[in-house]
Amino acid sequence: MIANNLEPFKPTHPGEVLKDELEYRGISQRGLAREVGISYSVLNEVLNGKRALNTELALIMEAALGVDAAPLLAMQNEYDMLKARRNPSFVEKLQHIRQIAAAL
């Protein structure tokens, strides 16, 4: 296996990065949510990896914290891909589709 093809044992959700940034700066989740005009529950769910980071929220975080949105969105994409590849029922579905496609 080539080192560049290694997958992390536990994928990193971009919310973890943002949560660390808030903690480092001493910014409360409630305060940030209020200041940028988003729901506290939405922000909290993203920061705790229970909700995906979307483009709009990534851009809001970029404006509020100066954290570039593009790498956060790339991290979300990688997280989603790893989760999908590790979902047994989805992997089974992909294998079935590949069998059908091979017969075409």
N, C-alpha and C. Protein backbone atom coordinates (compact mmCIF):
# COMPACT_ATOMS: atom_id res chain seq x y z
N MET A 1 0.84 -1.18 0.00
CA MET A 1 0.00 0.00 0.00
C MET A 1 0.88 1.24 0.00
N ILE A 2 0.57 2.17 -0.84
CA ILE A 2 1.32 3.41 -0.94
C ILE A 2 0.83 4.36 0.14
N ALA A 3 1.75 5.09 0.75
CA ALA A 3 1.40 5.97 1.87
C ALA A 3 0.31 6.97 1.51
N ASN A 4 0.29 7.45 0.29
CA ASN A 4 -0.72 8.44 -0.10
C ASN A 4 -2.11 7.86 -0.21
N ASN A 5 -2.23 6.54 -0.21
CA ASN A 5 -3.53 5.91 -0.31
C ASN A 5 -4.08 5.46 1.04
N LEU A 6 -3.40 5.78 2.11
CA LEU A 6 -3.86 5.39 3.43
C LEU A 6 -5.09 6.20 3.82
N GLU A 7 -6.01 5.53 4.46
CA GLU A 7 -7.19 6.20 4.98
C GLU A 7 -7.04 6.33 6.48
N PRO A 8 -7.48 7.42 7.06
CA PRO A 8 -7.40 7.55 8.51
C PRO A 8 -8.30 6.53 9.18
N PHE A 9 -7.90 6.09 10.36
CA PHE A 9 -8.72 5.13 11.11
C PHE A 9 -10.07 5.76 11.43
N LYS A 10 -10.03 6.99 11.91
CA LYS A 10 -11.24 7.73 12.23
C LYS A 10 -11.23 9.01 11.41
N PRO A 11 -12.17 9.15 10.48
CA PRO A 11 -12.19 10.37 9.67
C PRO A 11 -12.45 11.60 10.54
N THR A 12 -11.86 12.72 10.15
CA THR A 12 -12.02 13.96 10.90
C THR A 12 -13.13 14.80 10.29
N HIS A 13 -14.10 15.11 11.10
CA HIS A 13 -15.20 15.98 10.68
C HIS A 13 -14.71 17.42 10.80
N PRO A 14 -15.04 18.29 9.84
CA PRO A 14 -14.56 19.67 9.91
C PRO A 14 -15.06 20.42 11.14
N GLY A 15 -16.16 19.95 11.71
CA GLY A 15 -16.66 20.56 12.94
C GLY A 15 -15.66 20.47 14.08
N GLU A 16 -14.86 19.40 14.09
CA GLU A 16 -13.83 19.25 15.13
C GLU A 16 -12.80 20.37 15.02
N VAL A 17 -12.43 20.71 13.80
CA VAL A 17 -11.46 21.78 13.57
C VAL A 17 -12.04 23.11 14.03
N LEU A 18 -13.28 23.36 13.67
CA LEU A 18 -13.92 24.60 14.07
C LEU A 18 -14.12 24.67 15.58
N LYS A 19 -14.48 23.56 16.17
CA LYS A 19 -14.67 23.51 17.63
C LYS A 19 -13.35 23.83 18.34
N ASP A 20 -12.26 23.25 17.87
CA ASP A 20 -10.94 23.53 18.44
C ASP A 20 -10.60 25.01 18.30
N GLU A 21 -10.94 25.59 17.15
CA GLU A 21 -10.66 27.00 16.90
C GLU A 21 -11.44 27.89 17.88
N LEU A 22 -12.70 27.56 18.10
CA LEU A 22 -13.50 28.33 19.05
C LEU A 22 -12.95 28.22 20.47
N GLU A 23 -12.58 27.01 20.86
CA GLU A 23 -12.03 26.81 22.20
C GLU A 23 -10.72 27.57 22.37
N TYR A 24 -9.87 27.52 21.36
CA TYR A 24 -8.59 28.22 21.42
C TYR A 24 -8.79 29.73 21.58
N ARG A 25 -9.79 30.26 20.88
CA ARG A 25 -10.04 31.70 20.93
C ARG A 25 -10.94 32.13 22.09
N GLY A 26 -11.47 31.14 22.81
CA GLY A 26 -12.35 31.46 23.93
C GLY A 26 -13.70 32.01 23.50
N ILE A 27 -14.18 31.55 22.35
CA ILE A 27 -15.47 32.01 21.81
C ILE A 27 -16.52 30.95 22.14
N SER A 28 -17.63 31.38 22.70
CA SER A 28 -18.70 30.43 23.02
C SER A 28 -19.51 30.11 21.77
N GLN A 29 -20.02 28.91 21.73
CA GLN A 29 -20.86 28.50 20.61
C GLN A 29 -22.12 29.34 20.54
N ARG A 30 -22.74 29.57 21.68
CA ARG A 30 -23.96 30.37 21.71
C ARG A 30 -23.70 31.80 21.24
N GLY A 31 -22.59 32.37 21.71
CA GLY A 31 -22.25 33.73 21.33
C GLY A 31 -21.99 33.85 19.84
N LEU A 32 -21.24 32.90 19.29
CA LEU A 32 -20.94 32.94 17.85
C LEU A 32 -22.22 32.77 17.04
N ALA A 33 -23.06 31.80 17.44
CA ALA A 33 -24.31 31.57 16.71
C ALA A 33 -25.17 32.83 16.72
N ARG A 34 -25.26 33.46 17.85
CA ARG A 34 -26.06 34.69 17.96
C ARG A 34 -25.49 35.79 17.06
N GLU A 35 -24.17 35.97 17.09
CA GLU A 35 -23.53 37.06 16.34
C GLU A 35 -23.62 36.88 14.83
N VAL A 36 -23.57 35.63 14.36
CA VAL A 36 -23.61 35.41 12.91
C VAL A 36 -25.01 35.08 12.40
N GLY A 37 -25.98 35.01 13.31
CA GLY A 37 -27.37 34.82 12.91
C GLY A 37 -27.75 33.41 12.50
N ILE A 38 -27.18 32.42 13.18
CA ILE A 38 -27.58 31.03 12.90
C ILE A 38 -28.07 30.39 14.20
N SER A 39 -28.76 29.30 14.06
CA SER A 39 -29.29 28.58 15.21
C SER A 39 -28.15 27.95 16.00
N TYR A 40 -28.22 28.08 17.33
CA TYR A 40 -27.21 27.44 18.18
C TYR A 40 -27.20 25.94 17.96
N SER A 41 -28.38 25.33 17.83
CA SER A 41 -28.44 23.87 17.68
C SER A 41 -27.77 23.42 16.39
N VAL A 42 -27.94 24.18 15.32
CA VAL A 42 -27.29 23.84 14.05
C VAL A 42 -25.77 23.91 14.22
N LEU A 43 -25.29 25.01 14.79
CA LEU A 43 -23.85 25.16 14.99
C LEU A 43 -23.31 24.05 15.88
N ASN A 44 -24.00 23.76 16.97
CA ASN A 44 -23.55 22.73 17.90
C ASN A 44 -23.51 21.36 17.22
N GLU A 45 -24.49 21.05 16.41
CA GLU A 45 -24.51 19.76 15.72
C GLU A 45 -23.36 19.64 14.73
N VAL A 46 -23.03 20.72 14.05
CA VAL A 46 -21.89 20.70 13.14
C VAL A 46 -20.59 20.52 13.92
N LEU A 47 -20.44 21.29 14.99
CA LEU A 47 -19.20 21.23 15.77
C LEU A 47 -19.00 19.86 16.42
N ASN A 48 -20.09 19.15 16.68
CA ASN A 48 -20.00 17.83 17.29
C ASN A 48 -20.10 16.70 16.27
N GLY A 49 -20.01 17.03 14.98
CA GLY A 49 -19.99 16.01 13.93
C GLY A 49 -21.30 15.31 13.70
N LYS A 50 -22.41 15.88 14.15
CA LYS A 50 -23.72 15.25 13.97
C LYS A 50 -24.45 15.78 12.75
N ARG A 51 -23.91 16.82 12.14
CA ARG A 51 -24.51 17.44 10.96
C ARG A 51 -23.37 17.82 10.03
N ALA A 52 -23.62 17.70 8.73
CA ALA A 52 -22.60 18.07 7.75
C ALA A 52 -22.42 19.58 7.68
N LEU A 53 -21.21 20.00 7.44
CA LEU A 53 -20.91 21.40 7.19
C LEU A 53 -21.29 21.71 5.75
N ASN A 54 -22.19 22.67 5.55
CA ASN A 54 -22.58 23.03 4.20
C ASN A 54 -21.81 24.26 3.73
N THR A 55 -21.96 24.58 2.48
CA THR A 55 -21.21 25.69 1.88
C THR A 55 -21.50 27.02 2.58
N GLU A 56 -22.77 27.29 2.85
CA GLU A 56 -23.13 28.56 3.47
C GLU A 56 -22.50 28.71 4.85
N LEU A 57 -22.58 27.65 5.66
CA LEU A 57 -22.01 27.72 7.00
C LEU A 57 -20.48 27.81 6.94
N ALA A 58 -19.87 27.13 5.99
CA ALA A 58 -18.42 27.23 5.83
C ALA A 58 -18.01 28.66 5.50
N LEU A 59 -18.78 29.32 4.64
CA LEU A 59 -18.48 30.71 4.29
C LEU A 59 -18.74 31.65 5.48
N ILE A 60 -19.75 31.35 6.28
CA ILE A 60 -20.00 32.14 7.49
C ILE A 60 -18.83 32.00 8.45
N MET A 61 -18.33 30.78 8.62
CA MET A 61 -17.19 30.55 9.52
C MET A 61 -15.94 31.24 8.98
N GLU A 62 -15.78 31.24 7.66
CA GLU A 62 -14.66 31.94 7.05
C GLU A 62 -14.73 33.44 7.36
N ALA A 63 -15.92 34.02 7.22
CA ALA A 63 -16.09 35.44 7.49
C ALA A 63 -15.89 35.76 8.98
N ALA A 64 -16.42 34.89 9.84
CA ALA A 64 -16.37 35.16 11.28
C ALA A 64 -15.01 34.85 11.90
N LEU A 65 -14.37 33.78 11.45
CA LEU A 65 -13.15 33.30 12.11
C LEU A 65 -11.89 33.44 11.26
N GLY A 66 -12.07 33.71 9.96
CA GLY A 66 -10.91 33.79 9.08
C GLY A 66 -10.34 32.43 8.71
N VAL A 67 -11.14 31.38 8.92
CA VAL A 67 -10.71 30.02 8.56
C VAL A 67 -11.21 29.75 7.15
N ASP A 68 -10.31 29.46 6.23
CA ASP A 68 -10.66 29.28 4.81
C ASP A 68 -11.73 28.20 4.65
N ALA A 69 -12.78 28.53 3.91
CA ALA A 69 -13.91 27.62 3.72
C ALA A 69 -13.57 26.42 2.85
N ALA A 70 -12.74 26.60 1.83
CA ALA A 70 -12.47 25.52 0.87
C ALA A 70 -11.89 24.26 1.53
N PRO A 71 -10.85 24.39 2.37
CA PRO A 71 -10.34 23.16 3.01
C PRO A 71 -11.36 22.51 3.96
N LEU A 72 -12.19 23.32 4.59
CA LEU A 72 -13.23 22.76 5.46
C LEU A 72 -14.22 21.94 4.65
N LEU A 73 -14.61 22.46 3.49
CA LEU A 73 -15.54 21.72 2.63
C LEU A 73 -14.89 20.47 2.05
N ALA A 74 -13.61 20.55 1.72
CA ALA A 74 -12.90 19.36 1.23
C ALA A 74 -12.83 18.30 2.34
N MET A 75 -12.63 18.75 3.57
CA MET A 75 -12.59 17.84 4.70
C MET A 75 -13.96 17.17 4.89
N GLN A 76 -15.03 17.95 4.71
CA GLN A 76 -16.38 17.38 4.83
C GLN A 76 -16.60 16.33 3.74
N ASN A 77 -16.14 16.61 2.53
CA ASN A 77 -16.28 15.66 1.43
C ASN A 77 -15.52 14.36 1.73
N GLU A 78 -14.30 14.48 2.21
CA GLU A 78 -13.51 13.29 2.56
C GLU A 78 -14.18 12.50 3.68
N TYR A 79 -14.70 13.21 4.66
CA TYR A 79 -15.40 12.57 5.78
C TYR A 79 -16.60 11.77 5.25
N ASP A 80 -17.39 12.41 4.40
CA ASP A 80 -18.57 11.74 3.84
C ASP A 80 -18.20 10.52 3.01
N MET A 81 -17.14 10.65 2.21
CA MET A 81 -16.69 9.53 1.37
C MET A 81 -16.24 8.35 2.23
N LEU A 82 -15.45 8.63 3.27
CA LEU A 82 -14.98 7.55 4.14
C LEU A 82 -16.14 6.88 4.85
N LYS A 83 -17.09 7.66 5.33
CA LYS A 83 -18.25 7.09 6.01
C LYS A 83 -19.04 6.20 5.05
N ALA A 84 -19.23 6.65 3.82
CA ALA A 84 -19.97 5.86 2.83
C ALA A 84 -19.23 4.57 2.50
N ARG A 85 -17.92 4.66 2.32
CA ARG A 85 -17.13 3.46 1.99
C ARG A 85 -17.09 2.45 3.12
N ARG A 86 -17.39 2.90 4.33
CA ARG A 86 -17.37 2.00 5.49
C ARG A 86 -18.77 1.54 5.90
N ASN A 87 -19.76 1.92 5.13
CA ASN A 87 -21.14 1.53 5.41
C ASN A 87 -21.40 0.20 4.70
N PRO A 88 -21.52 -0.90 5.46
CA PRO A 88 -21.66 -2.23 4.82
C PRO A 88 -22.83 -2.34 3.85
N SER A 89 -23.98 -1.79 4.18
CA SER A 89 -25.12 -1.92 3.27
C SER A 89 -24.90 -1.12 1.99
N PHE A 90 -24.24 0.04 2.09
CA PHE A 90 -23.96 0.82 0.89
C PHE A 90 -22.90 0.13 0.03
N VAL A 91 -21.90 -0.46 0.67
CA VAL A 91 -20.86 -1.20 -0.07
C VAL A 91 -21.49 -2.37 -0.81
N GLU A 92 -22.43 -3.03 -0.17
CA GLU A 92 -23.13 -4.15 -0.82
C GLU A 92 -23.92 -3.65 -2.03
N LYS A 93 -24.56 -2.51 -1.89
CA LYS A 93 -25.31 -1.92 -3.00
C LYS A 93 -24.38 -1.59 -4.17
N LEU A 94 -23.21 -1.01 -3.86
CA LEU A 94 -22.24 -0.70 -4.91
C LEU A 94 -21.76 -1.95 -5.63
N GLN A 95 -21.52 -3.02 -4.88
CA GLN A 95 -21.09 -4.28 -5.49
C GLN A 95 -22.16 -4.82 -6.42
N HIS A 96 -23.40 -4.69 -6.00
CA HIS A 96 -24.51 -5.16 -6.84
C HIS A 96 -24.58 -4.33 -8.13
N ILE A 97 -24.43 -3.03 -8.01
CA ILE A 97 -24.46 -2.15 -9.19
C ILE A 97 -23.30 -2.49 -10.13
N ARG A 98 -22.12 -2.76 -9.56
CA ARG A 98 -20.97 -3.11 -10.39
C ARG A 98 -21.21 -4.43 -11.15
N GLN A 99 -21.86 -5.37 -10.50
CA GLN A 99 -22.18 -6.65 -11.17
C GLN A 99 -23.13 -6.41 -12.35
N ILE A 100 -24.12 -5.57 -12.13
CA ILE A 100 -25.08 -5.28 -13.19
C ILE A 100 -24.37 -4.53 -14.33
N ALA A 101 -23.54 -3.54 -13.98
CA ALA A 101 -22.85 -2.74 -14.99
C ALA A 101 -21.87 -3.60 -15.80
N ALA A 102 -21.26 -4.60 -15.15
CA ALA A 102 -20.31 -5.46 -15.85
C ALA A 102 -21.03 -6.32 -16.90
N ALA A 103 -22.28 -6.59 -16.65
CA ALA A 103 -23.04 -7.42 -17.61
C ALA A 103 -23.56 -6.62 -18.79
N LEU A 104 -23.51 -5.32 -18.71
CA LEU A 104 -24.05 -4.49 -19.82
C LEU A 104 -23.14 -4.50 -21.02
